C-alpha atoms as a PDB file:
ATOM      1  CA  THR A   1      74.722 106.159 110.133  1.00  0.00           C
ATOM      2  CA  LEU A   2      74.550 102.379 109.899  1.00  0.00           C
ATOM      3  CA  THR A   3      70.964 102.331 111.170  1.00  0.00           C
ATOM      4  CA  LEU A   4      69.871 104.985 108.693  1.00  0.00           C
ATOM      5  CA  SER A   5      71.538 103.272 105.752  1.00  0.00           C
ATOM      6  CA  LEU A   6      69.926  99.956 106.694  1.00  0.00           C
ATOM      7  CA  TYR A   7      66.534 101.591 107.049  1.00  0.00           C
ATOM      8  CA  PHE A   8      66.744 103.360 103.705  1.00  0.00           C
ATOM      9  CA  ASP A   9      68.714 100.540 101.987  1.00  0.00           C
ATOM     10  CA  PHE A  10      71.328 103.061 100.894  1.00  0.00           C
ATOM     11  CA  LEU A  11      75.009 102.156 100.656  1.00  0.00           C
ATOM     12  CA  VAL A  12      74.471  99.324 103.099  1.00  0.00           C
ATOM     13  CA  LEU A  13      77.618  97.351 102.283  1.00  0.00           C
ATOM     14  CA  PHE A  14      79.879 100.416 102.274  1.00  0.00           C
ATOM     15  CA  THR A  15      78.462 101.685 105.558  1.00  0.00           C
ATOM     16  CA  PHE A  16      78.745  98.256 107.183  1.00  0.00           C
ATOM     17  CA  ILE A  17      82.402  97.852 106.182  1.00  0.00           C
ATOM     18  CA  PHE A  18      83.209 101.429 107.203  1.00  0.00           C
ATOM     19  CA  THR A  19      81.591 100.849 110.606  1.00  0.00           C
ATOM     20  CA  ILE A  20      83.540  97.624 111.183  1.00  0.00           C
ATOM     21  CA  PHE A  21      86.847  99.384 110.488  1.00  0.00           C
ATOM     22  CA  GLN A  22      85.909 102.472 112.482  1.00  0.00           C
ATOM     23  CA  VAL A  23      84.963 100.465 115.567  1.00  0.00           C
ATOM     24  CA  ASN A  24      88.225  98.488 115.381  1.00  0.00           C
ATOM     25  CA  THR A  25      90.630 101.339 114.624  1.00  0.00           C
ATOM     26  CA  ASN A  26      92.401 101.163 117.986  1.00  0.00           C
ATOM     27  CA  GLN A  27      92.801  97.399 117.744  1.00  0.00           C
ATOM     28  CA  ILE A  28      94.248  97.671 114.218  1.00  0.00           C
ATOM     29  CA  HIS A  29      96.711 100.296 115.453  1.00  0.00           C
ATOM     30  CA  LYS A  30      97.680  98.028 118.372  1.00  0.00           C
ATOM     31  CA  TRP A  31      98.344  95.135 115.956  1.00  0.00           C
ATOM     32  CA  ALA A  32     100.587  97.432 113.889  1.00  0.00           C
ATOM     33  CA  HIS A  33     102.781  97.872 116.963  1.00  0.00           C
ATOM     34  CA  GLN A  34     102.965  94.174 117.848  1.00  0.00           C
ATOM     35  CA  SER A  35     105.821  92.001 116.662  1.00  0.00           C
ATOM     36  CA  GLN A  36     103.523  88.940 116.361  1.00  0.00           C
ATOM     37  CA  PRO A  37      99.842  89.848 115.941  1.00  0.00           C
ATOM     38  CA  ASN A  38      97.334  86.998 115.691  1.00  0.00           C
ATOM     39  CA  ILE A  39      96.986  85.007 112.458  1.00  0.00           C
ATOM     40  CA  PHE A  40      93.780  86.817 111.451  1.00  0.00           C
ATOM     41  CA  ALA A  41      95.507  90.199 111.695  1.00  0.00           C
ATOM     42  CA  GLN A  42      98.553  88.868 109.843  1.00  0.00           C
ATOM     43  CA  LYS A  43      96.372  87.761 106.909  1.00  0.00           C
ATOM     44  CA  LEU A  44      94.634  91.151 106.733  1.00  0.00           C
ATOM     45  CA  MET A  45      98.037  92.863 106.793  1.00  0.00           C
ATOM     46  CA  LYS A  46      99.416  90.549 104.118  1.00  0.00           C
ATOM     47  CA  PHE A  47      96.614  91.542 101.729  1.00  0.00           C
ATOM     48  CA  LYS A  48      97.025  95.222 102.688  1.00  0.00           C
ATOM     49  CA  ILE A  49      93.520  95.443 104.105  1.00  0.00           C
ATOM     50  CA  ILE A  50      94.745  96.864 107.395  1.00  0.00           C
ATOM     51  CA  LEU A  51      97.868  98.703 108.515  1.00  0.00           C
ATOM     52  CA  SER A  52     101.021  96.608 108.727  1.00  0.00           C
ATOM     53  CA  PRO A  53     103.955  97.252 111.066  1.00  0.00           C
ATOM     54  CA  GLN A  54     106.161  97.941 108.031  1.00  0.00           C
ATOM     55  CA  GLU A  55     103.847 100.673 106.758  1.00  0.00           C
ATOM     56  CA  HIS A  56     103.241 102.156 110.184  1.00  0.00           C
ATOM     57  CA  SER A  57     106.970 102.256 110.971  1.00  0.00           C
ATOM     58  CA  LYS A  58     107.331 104.844 108.181  1.00  0.00           C
ATOM     59  CA  HIS A  59     105.275 107.196 110.345  1.00  0.00           C
ATOM     60  CA  HIS A  60     107.601 106.695 113.307  1.00  0.00           C
ATOM     61  CA  SER A  61     110.813 107.215 111.341  1.00  0.00           C
ATOM     62  CA  GLY A  62     111.403 110.764 110.247  1.00  0.00           C
ATOM     63  CA  ASP A  63     108.503 112.429 108.480  1.00  0.00           C
ATOM     64  CA  ILE A  64     105.544 112.191 110.848  1.00  0.00           C
ATOM     65  CA  ASN A  65     103.361 113.895 108.256  1.00  0.00           C
ATOM     66  CA  SER A  66     103.031 110.732 106.210  1.00  0.00           C
ATOM     67  CA  HIS A  67     101.707 107.221 106.798  1.00  0.00           C
ATOM     68  CA  TYR A  68      99.692 108.352 109.787  1.00  0.00           C
ATOM     69  CA  CYS A  69      96.375 106.650 109.143  1.00  0.00           C
ATOM     70  CA  ILE A  70      96.089 104.101 111.958  1.00  0.00           C
ATOM     71  CA  THR A  71      93.607 101.890 110.113  1.00  0.00           C
ATOM     72  CA  THR A  72      94.841 101.413 106.555  1.00  0.00           C
ATOM     73  CA  GLY A  73      98.083 103.377 106.369  1.00  0.00           C
END
């Protein structure tokens, strides 16, 4: 998808950002389970760019049918 969008110059920025998040989904989920993720992850969580432990904990407490997105919550 990224290669095609670059070739055709179509939605390049969106596709690039989507690809970055998609590739790092497991790492973002891991950070959401850590008590002290690195400073870079903490900043992204602070600005609600990636999933924070507080948001992800809602998934683990009670209703598992909500807050289940492991990238952005």
